[in-house]
């Protein structure tokens, strides 16, 4: 029972730490910022890029940022063991 309480406390602490993290990805002047809770905080567009270029850049930035957040989460989970 105490082990479960300790794990729950560690998970809560880890969630709070992750929520503070911010991952920024930039491509062709377009930037996406995602926090550790996997929420989009900011999107900045390049006004000189075409609509199609902006769409590709947003998609690429978003996917790269999500991969980094997931890797951070996996590393933190590994360190708990």
PDB file of N, CA and C in Angstrom:
ATOM      1  N   UNK A   1       0.822  -1.196   0.000  1.00  0.00           N
ATOM      2  CA  UNK A   1       0.000   0.000   0.000  1.00  0.00           C
ATOM      3  C   UNK A   1       0.868   1.262   0.000  1.00  0.00           C
ATOM      4  N   UNK A   2       1.911   1.261   0.820  1.00  0.00           N
ATOM      5  CA  UNK A   2       2.800   2.421   0.863  1.00  0.00           C
ATOM      6  C   UNK A   2       3.535   2.616  -0.457  1.00  0.00           C
ATOM      7  N   UNK A   3       3.901   1.511  -1.111  1.00  0.00           N
ATOM      8  CA  UNK A   3       4.575   1.606  -2.403  1.00  0.00           C
ATOM      9  C   UNK A   3       3.672   2.271  -3.439  1.00  0.00           C
ATOM     10  N   UNK A   4       2.399   1.930  -3.423  1.00  0.00           N
ATOM     11  CA  UNK A   4       1.459   2.528  -4.368  1.00  0.00           C
ATOM     12  C   UNK A   4       1.293   4.017  -4.108  1.00  0.00           C
ATOM     13  N   UNK A   5       1.262   4.394  -2.857  1.00  0.00           N
ATOM     14  CA  UNK A   5       1.140   5.809  -2.519  1.00  0.00           C
ATOM     15  C   UNK A   5       2.393   6.563  -2.952  1.00  0.00           C
ATOM     16  N   UNK A   6       3.546   5.932  -2.758  1.00  0.00           N
ATOM     17  CA  UNK A   6       4.808   6.557  -3.160  1.00  0.00           C
ATOM     18  C   UNK A   6       4.851   6.730  -4.682  1.00  0.00           C
ATOM     19  N   UNK A   7       4.422   5.717  -5.434  1.00  0.00           N
ATOM     20  CA  UNK A   7       4.400   5.792  -6.891  1.00  0.00           C
ATOM     21  C   UNK A   7       3.429   6.875  -7.366  1.00  0.00           C
ATOM     22  N   UNK A   8       2.272   6.962  -6.726  1.00  0.00           N
ATOM     23  CA  UNK A   8       1.291   7.970  -7.099  1.00  0.00           C
ATOM     24  C   UNK A   8       1.850   9.372  -6.870  1.00  0.00           C
ATOM     25  N   UNK A   9       2.560   9.548  -5.774  1.00  0.00           N
ATOM     26  CA  UNK A   9       3.171  10.837  -5.472  1.00  0.00           C
ATOM     27  C   UNK A   9       4.243  11.181  -6.510  1.00  0.00           C
ATOM     28  N   UNK A  10       5.047  10.196  -6.897  1.00  0.00           N
ATOM     29  CA  UNK A  10       6.080  10.412  -7.902  1.00  0.00           C
ATOM     30  C   UNK A  10       5.467  10.751  -9.258  1.00  0.00           C
ATOM     31  N   UNK A  11       4.379  10.071  -9.618  1.00  0.00           N
ATOM     32  CA  UNK A  11       3.696  10.355 -10.880  1.00  0.00           C
ATOM     33  C   UNK A  11       3.136  11.772 -10.893  1.00  0.00           C
ATOM     34  N   UNK A  12       2.555  12.178  -9.786  1.00  0.00           N
ATOM     35  CA  UNK A  12       2.006  13.539  -9.678  1.00  0.00           C
ATOM     36  C   UNK A  12       3.119  14.575  -9.840  1.00  0.00           C
ATOM     37  N   UNK A  13       4.242  14.328  -9.188  1.00  0.00           N
ATOM     38  CA  UNK A  13       5.385  15.235  -9.274  1.00  0.00           C
ATOM     39  C   UNK A  13       5.900  15.303 -10.717  1.00  0.00           C
ATOM     40  N   UNK A  14       5.982  14.141 -11.372  1.00  0.00           N
ATOM     41  CA  UNK A  14       6.449  14.086 -12.751  1.00  0.00           C
ATOM     42  C   UNK A  14       5.501  14.843 -13.689  1.00  0.00           C
ATOM     43  N   UNK A  15       4.201  14.721 -13.480  1.00  0.00           N
ATOM     44  CA  UNK A  15       3.221  15.434 -14.294  1.00  0.00           C
ATOM     45  C   UNK A  15       3.398  16.939 -14.156  1.00  0.00           C
ATOM     46  N   UNK A  16       3.635  17.404 -12.946  1.00  0.00           N
ATOM     47  CA  UNK A  16       3.837  18.833 -12.726  1.00  0.00           C
ATOM     48  C   UNK A  16       5.102  19.316 -13.420  1.00  0.00           C
ATOM     49  N   UNK A  17       6.162  18.503 -13.360  1.00  0.00           N
ATOM     50  CA  UNK A  17       7.411  18.870 -14.028  1.00  0.00           C
ATOM     51  C   UNK A  17       7.226  18.905 -15.545  1.00  0.00           C
ATOM     52  N   UNK A  18       6.557  17.904 -16.076  1.00  0.00           N
ATOM     53  CA  UNK A  18       6.321  17.851 -17.520  1.00  0.00           C
ATOM     54  C   UNK A  18       5.483  19.029 -18.001  1.00  0.00           C
ATOM     55  N   UNK A  19       4.508  19.428 -17.209  1.00  0.00           N
ATOM     56  CA  UNK A  19       3.632  20.535 -17.598  1.00  0.00           C
ATOM     57  C   UNK A  19       4.421  21.826 -17.790  1.00  0.00           C
ATOM     58  N   UNK A  20       5.545  21.959 -17.101  1.00  0.00           N
ATOM     59  CA  UNK A  20       6.359  23.168 -17.206  1.00  0.00           C
ATOM     60  C   UNK A  20       7.251  23.171 -18.445  1.00  0.00           C
ATOM     61  N   UNK A  21       7.474  22.004 -19.019  1.00  0.00           N
ATOM     62  CA  UNK A  21       8.362  21.911 -20.177  1.00  0.00           C
ATOM     63  C   UNK A  21       7.703  22.503 -21.415  1.00  0.00           C
ATOM     64  N   UNK A  22       8.541  23.090 -22.257  1.00  0.00           N
ATOM     65  CA  UNK A  22       8.075  23.645 -23.533  1.00  0.00           C
ATOM     66  C   UNK A  22       9.022  23.173 -24.625  1.00  0.00           C
ATOM     67  N   UNK A  23       8.450  22.669 -25.679  1.00  0.00           N
ATOM     68  CA  UNK A  23       9.221  22.234 -26.838  1.00  0.00           C
ATOM     69  C   UNK A  23       8.874  23.164 -27.995  1.00  0.00           C
ATOM     70  N   UNK A  24       9.906  23.749 -28.593  1.00  0.00           N
ATOM     71  CA  UNK A  24       9.718  24.636 -29.740  1.00  0.00           C
ATOM     72  C   UNK A  24      10.332  23.991 -30.968  1.00  0.00           C
ATOM     73  N   UNK A  25       9.588  23.996 -32.046  1.00  0.00           N
ATOM     74  CA  UNK A  25      10.091  23.507 -33.322  1.00  0.00           C
ATOM     75  C   UNK A  25       9.836  24.574 -34.366  1.00  0.00           C
ATOM     76  N   UNK A  26      10.829  24.797 -35.223  1.00  0.00           N
ATOM     77  CA  UNK A  26      10.694  25.815 -36.252  1.00  0.00           C
ATOM     78  C   UNK A  26      11.098  25.240 -37.601  1.00  0.00           C
ATOM     79  N   UNK A  27      10.350  25.589 -38.616  1.00  0.00           N
ATOM     80  CA  UNK A  27      10.604  25.140 -39.985  1.00  0.00           C
ATOM     81  C   UNK A  27      10.186  26.245 -40.936  1.00  0.00           C
ATOM     82  N   UNK A  28      11.123  26.708 -41.729  1.00  0.00           N
ATOM     83  CA  UNK A  28      10.815  27.701 -42.768  1.00  0.00           C
ATOM     84  C   UNK A  28      10.115  28.943 -42.198  1.00  0.00           C
ATOM     85  N   UNK A  29      10.545  29.382 -41.018  1.00  0.00           N
ATOM     86  CA  UNK A  29       9.967  30.573 -40.411  1.00  0.00           C
ATOM     87  C   UNK A  29       8.654  30.359 -39.686  1.00  0.00           C
ATOM     88  N   UNK A  30       8.153  29.132 -39.691  1.00  0.00           N
ATOM     89  CA  UNK A  30       6.919  28.779 -38.980  1.00  0.00           C
ATOM     90  C   UNK A  30       7.319  28.065 -37.698  1.00  0.00           C
ATOM     91  N   UNK A  31       6.701  28.445 -36.578  1.00  0.00           N
ATOM     92  CA  UNK A  31       7.093  27.894 -35.281  1.00  0.00           C
ATOM     93  C   UNK A  31       5.879  27.346 -34.546  1.00  0.00           C
ATOM     94  N   UNK A  32       6.078  26.202 -33.881  1.00  0.00           N
ATOM     95  CA  UNK A  32       5.055  25.584 -33.041  1.00  0.00           C
ATOM     96  C   UNK A  32       5.667  25.358 -31.664  1.00  0.00           C
ATOM     97  N   UNK A  33       4.934  25.730 -30.616  1.00  0.00           N
ATOM     98  CA  UNK A  33       5.368  25.505 -29.238  1.00  0.00           C
ATOM     99  C   UNK A  33       4.326  24.621 -28.563  1.00  0.00           C
ATOM    100  N   UNK A  34       4.801  23.515 -27.972  1.00  0.00           N
ATOM    101  CA  UNK A  34       3.923  22.564 -27.286  1.00  0.00           C
ATOM    102  C   UNK A  34       4.456  22.374 -25.871  1.00  0.00           C
ATOM    103  N   UNK A  35       3.544  22.302 -24.898  1.00  0.00           N
ATOM    104  CA  UNK A  35       3.985  22.083 -23.519  1.00  0.00           C
ATOM    105  C   UNK A  35       4.006  20.592 -23.189  1.00  0.00           C
ATOM    106  N   UNK A  36       4.463  20.277 -22.015  1.00  0.00           N
ATOM    107  CA  UNK A  36       4.605  18.893 -21.582  1.00  0.00           C
ATOM    108  C   UNK A  36       3.300  18.152 -21.404  1.00  0.00           C
ATOM    109  N   UNK A  37       2.187  18.870 -21.394  1.00  0.00           N
ATOM    110  CA  UNK A  37       0.871  18.225 -21.323  1.00  0.00           C
ATOM    111  C   UNK A  37       0.330  17.966 -22.723  1.00  0.00           C
ATOM    112  N   UNK A  38       1.199  18.158 -23.720  1.00  0.00           N
ATOM    113  CA  UNK A  38       0.876  17.939 -25.127  1.00  0.00           C
ATOM    114  C   UNK A  38      -0.208  18.887 -25.618  1.00  0.00           C
ATOM    115  N   UNK A  39      -0.145  20.119 -25.124  1.00  0.00           N
ATOM    116  CA  UNK A  39      -1.068  21.168 -25.550  1.00  0.00           C
ATOM    117  C   UNK A  39      -0.295  22.185 -26.385  1.00  0.00           C
ATOM    118  N   UNK A  40      -0.897  22.629 -27.472  1.00  0.00           N
ATOM    119  CA  UNK A  40      -0.268  23.652 -28.305  1.00  0.00           C
ATOM    120  C   UNK A  40      -0.383  24.983 -27.574  1.00  0.00           C
ATOM    121  N   UNK A  41       0.748  25.622 -27.357  1.00  0.00           N
ATOM    122  CA  UNK A  41       0.764  26.918 -26.682  1.00  0.00           C
ATOM    123  C   UNK A  41       0.864  28.072 -27.671  1.00  0.00           C
ATOM    124  N   UNK A  42       1.533  27.813 -28.790  1.00  0.00           N
ATOM    125  CA  UNK A  42       1.774  28.910 -29.722  1.00  0.00           C
ATOM    126  C   UNK A  42       2.015  28.373 -31.125  1.00  0.00           C
ATOM    127  N   UNK A  43       1.506  29.083 -32.104  1.00  0.00           N
ATOM    128  CA  UNK A  43       1.811  28.826 -33.507  1.00  0.00           C
ATOM    129  C   UNK A  43       2.125  30.173 -34.135  1.00  0.00           C
ATOM    130  N   UNK A  44       3.299  30.288 -34.735  1.00  0.00           N
ATOM    131  CA  UNK A  44       3.694  31.504 -35.435  1.00  0.00           C
ATOM    132  C   UNK A  44       3.894  31.157 -36.901  1.00  0.00           C
ATOM    133  N   UNK A  45       3.239  31.896 -37.774  1.00  0.00           N
ATOM    134  CA  UNK A  45       3.320  31.625 -39.203  1.00  0.00           C
ATOM    135  C   UNK A  45       4.307  32.557 -39.883  1.00  0.00           C
ATOM    136  N   UNK A  46       4.824  32.114 -41.001  1.00  0.00           N
ATOM    137  CA  UNK A  46       5.703  32.918 -41.837  1.00  0.00           C
ATOM    138  C   UNK A  46       4.830  33.565 -42.910  1.00  0.00           C
ATOM    139  N   UNK A  47       4.612  34.867 -42.848  1.00  0.00           N
ATOM    140  CA  UNK A  47       3.713  35.519 -43.805  1.00  0.00           C
ATOM    141  C   UNK A  47       4.235  35.483 -45.239  1.00  0.00           C
ATOM    142  N   UNK A  48       5.527  35.206 -45.399  1.00  0.00           N
ATOM    143  CA  UNK A  48       6.101  35.150 -46.740  1.00  0.00           C
ATOM    144  C   UNK A  48       5.933  33.773 -47.381  1.00  0.00           C
ATOM    145  N   UNK A  49       5.565  32.782 -46.604  1.00  0.00           N
ATOM    146  CA  UNK A  49       5.396  31.424 -47.129  1.00  0.00           C
ATOM    147  C   UNK A  49       3.987  31.260 -47.691  1.00  0.00           C
ATOM    148  N   UNK A  50       3.877  30.393 -48.683  1.00  0.00           N
ATOM    149  CA  UNK A  50       2.552  30.112 -49.258  1.00  0.00           C
ATOM    150  C   UNK A  50       1.729  29.298 -48.262  1.00  0.00           C
ATOM    151  N   UNK A  51       0.459  29.188 -48.523  1.00  0.00           N
ATOM    152  CA  UNK A  51      -0.434  28.417 -47.651  1.00  0.00           C
ATOM    153  C   UNK A  51       0.052  26.972 -47.547  1.00  0.00           C
ATOM    154  N   UNK A  52       0.433  26.388 -48.680  1.00  0.00           N
ATOM    155  CA  UNK A  52       0.896  25.001 -48.692  1.00  0.00           C
ATOM    156  C   UNK A  52       2.200  24.841 -47.912  1.00  0.00           C
ATOM    157  N   UNK A  53       3.113  25.793 -48.049  1.00  0.00           N
ATOM    158  CA  UNK A  53       4.368  25.735 -47.295  1.00  0.00           C
ATOM    159  C   UNK A  53       4.111  25.845 -45.801  1.00  0.00           C
ATOM    160  N   UNK A  54       3.191  26.718 -45.413  1.00  0.00           N
ATOM    161  CA  UNK A  54       2.862  26.870 -43.997  1.00  0.00           C
ATOM    162  C   UNK A  54       2.230  25.599 -43.453  1.00  0.00           C
ATOM    163  N   UNK A  55       1.330  24.998 -44.225  1.00  0.00           N
ATOM    164  CA  UNK A  55       0.678  23.759 -43.785  1.00  0.00           C
ATOM    165  C   UNK A  55       1.713  22.654 -43.570  1.00  0.00           C
ATOM    166  N   UNK A  56       2.635  22.510 -44.520  1.00  0.00           N
ATOM    167  CA  UNK A  56       3.682  21.486 -44.373  1.00  0.00           C
ATOM    168  C   UNK A  56       4.560  21.770 -43.164  1.00  0.00           C
ATOM    169  N   UNK A  57       4.925  23.042 -42.977  1.00  0.00           N
ATOM    170  CA  UNK A  57       5.793  23.410 -41.858  1.00  0.00           C
ATOM    171  C   UNK A  57       5.103  23.161 -40.522  1.00  0.00           C
ATOM    172  N   UNK A  58       3.838  23.524 -40.417  1.00  0.00           N
ATOM    173  CA  UNK A  58       3.094  23.304 -39.162  1.00  0.00           C
ATOM    174  C   UNK A  58       3.042  21.814 -38.855  1.00  0.00           C
ATOM    175  N   UNK A  59       2.714  21.017 -39.855  1.00  0.00           N
ATOM    176  CA  UNK A  59       2.618  19.571 -39.654  1.00  0.00           C
ATOM    177  C   UNK A  59       3.966  19.000 -39.204  1.00  0.00           C
ATOM    178  N   UNK A  60       5.034  19.408 -39.882  1.00  0.00           N
ATOM    179  CA  UNK A  60       6.365  18.909 -39.544  1.00  0.00           C
ATOM    180  C   UNK A  60       6.778  19.341 -38.134  1.00  0.00           C
ATOM    181  N   UNK A  61       6.551  20.595 -37.794  1.00  0.00           N
ATOM    182  CA  UNK A  61       6.898  21.109 -36.463  1.00  0.00           C
ATOM    183  C   UNK A  61       6.097  20.407 -35.375  1.00  0.00           C
ATOM    184  N   UNK A  62       4.798  20.281 -35.596  1.00  0.00           N
ATOM    185  CA  UNK A  62       3.928  19.651 -34.603  1.00  0.00           C
ATOM    186  C   UNK A  62       4.362  18.210 -34.343  1.00  0.00           C
ATOM    187  N   UNK A  63       4.581  17.451 -35.413  1.00  0.00           N
ATOM    188  CA  UNK A  63       4.983  16.048 -35.250  1.00  0.00           C
ATOM    189  C   UNK A  63       6.330  15.921 -34.556  1.00  0.00           C
ATOM    190  N   UNK A  64       7.281  16.768 -34.906  1.00  0.00           N
ATOM    191  CA  UNK A  64       8.600  16.721 -34.266  1.00  0.00           C
ATOM    192  C   UNK A  64       8.503  17.065 -32.782  1.00  0.00           C
ATOM    193  N   UNK A  65       7.714  18.079 -32.447  1.00  0.00           N
ATOM    194  CA  UNK A  65       7.550  18.468 -31.042  1.00  0.00           C
ATOM    195  C   UNK A  65       6.868  17.360 -30.243  1.00  0.00           C
ATOM    196  N   UNK A  66       5.864  16.733 -30.827  1.00  0.00           N
ATOM    197  CA  UNK A  66       5.172  15.647 -30.125  1.00  0.00           C
ATOM    198  C   UNK A  66       6.120  14.471 -29.877  1.00  0.00           C
ATOM    199  N   UNK A  67       6.968  14.160 -30.851  1.00  0.00           N
ATOM    200  CA  UNK A  67       7.945  13.078 -30.654  1.00  0.00           C
ATOM    201  C   UNK A  67       8.880  13.406 -29.494  1.00  0.00           C
ATOM    202  N   UNK A  68       9.335  14.656 -29.430  1.00  0.00           N
ATOM    203  CA  UNK A  68      10.245  15.048 -28.342  1.00  0.00           C
ATOM    204  C   UNK A  68       9.555  14.956 -26.984  1.00  0.00           C
ATOM    205  N   UNK A  69       8.313  15.406 -26.906  1.00  0.00           N
ATOM    206  CA  UNK A  69       7.562  15.312 -25.646  1.00  0.00           C
ATOM    207  C   UNK A  69       7.404  13.854 -25.243  1.00  0.00           C
ATOM    208  N   UNK A  70       7.059  12.999 -26.193  1.00  0.00           N
ATOM    209  CA  UNK A  70       6.886  11.575 -25.890  1.00  0.00           C
ATOM    210  C   UNK A  70       8.197  10.938 -25.446  1.00  0.00           C
ATOM    211  N   UNK A  71       9.307  11.332 -26.075  1.00  0.00           N
ATOM    212  CA  UNK A  71      10.610  10.805 -25.666  1.00  0.00           C
ATOM    213  C   UNK A  71      10.956  11.264 -24.254  1.00  0.00           C
ATOM    214  N   UNK A  72      10.689  12.528 -23.937  1.00  0.00           N
ATOM    215  CA  UNK A  72      10.933  13.033 -22.582  1.00  0.00           C
ATOM    216  C   UNK A  72      10.122  12.242 -21.566  1.00  0.00           C
ATOM    217  N   UNK A  73       8.863  11.999 -21.879  1.00  0.00           N
ATOM    218  CA  UNK A  73       7.990  11.245 -20.983  1.00  0.00           C
ATOM    219  C   UNK A  73       8.522   9.825 -20.786  1.00  0.00           C
ATOM    220  N   UNK A  74       8.920   9.180 -21.877  1.00  0.00           N
ATOM    221  CA  UNK A  74       9.443   7.815 -21.780  1.00  0.00           C
ATOM    222  C   UNK A  74      10.711   7.774 -20.925  1.00  0.00           C
ATOM    223  N   UNK A  75      11.596   8.755 -21.098  1.00  0.00           N
ATOM    224  CA  UNK A  75      12.818   8.796 -20.303  1.00  0.00           C
ATOM    225  C   UNK A  75      12.503   8.988 -18.823  1.00  0.00           C
ATOM    226  N   UNK A  76      11.551   9.836 -18.526  1.00  0.00           N
ATOM    227  CA  UNK A  76      11.187  10.063 -17.118  1.00  0.00           C
ATOM    228  C   UNK A  76      10.550   8.810 -16.514  1.00  0.00           C
ATOM    229  N   UNK A  77       9.749   8.113 -17.308  1.00  0.00           N
ATOM    230  CA  UNK A  77       9.129   6.878 -16.816  1.00  0.00           C
ATOM    231  C   UNK A  77      10.200   5.808 -16.554  1.00  0.00           C
ATOM    232  N   UNK A  78      11.206   5.761 -17.425  1.00  0.00           N
ATOM    233  CA  UNK A  78      12.297   4.795 -17.238  1.00  0.00           C
ATOM    234  C   UNK A  78      13.073   5.084 -15.958  1.00  0.00           C
ATOM    235  N   UNK A  79      13.255   6.353 -15.666  1.00  0.00           N
ATOM    236  CA  UNK A  79      14.034   6.727 -14.479  1.00  0.00           C
ATOM    237  C   UNK A  79      13.287   6.415 -13.181  1.00  0.00           C
ATOM    238  N   UNK A  80      11.980   6.221 -13.268  1.00  0.00           N
ATOM    239  CA  UNK A  80      11.194   5.902 -12.069  1.00  0.00           C
ATOM    240  C   UNK A  80      11.403   4.469 -11.617  1.00  0.00           C
ATOM    241  N   UNK A  81      11.840   3.640 -12.507  1.00  0.00           N
ATOM    242  CA  UNK A  81      11.973   2.206 -12.169  1.00  0.00           C
ATOM    243  C   UNK A  81      13.114   1.914 -11.282  1.00  0.00           C
TER     244      UNK A  81
END
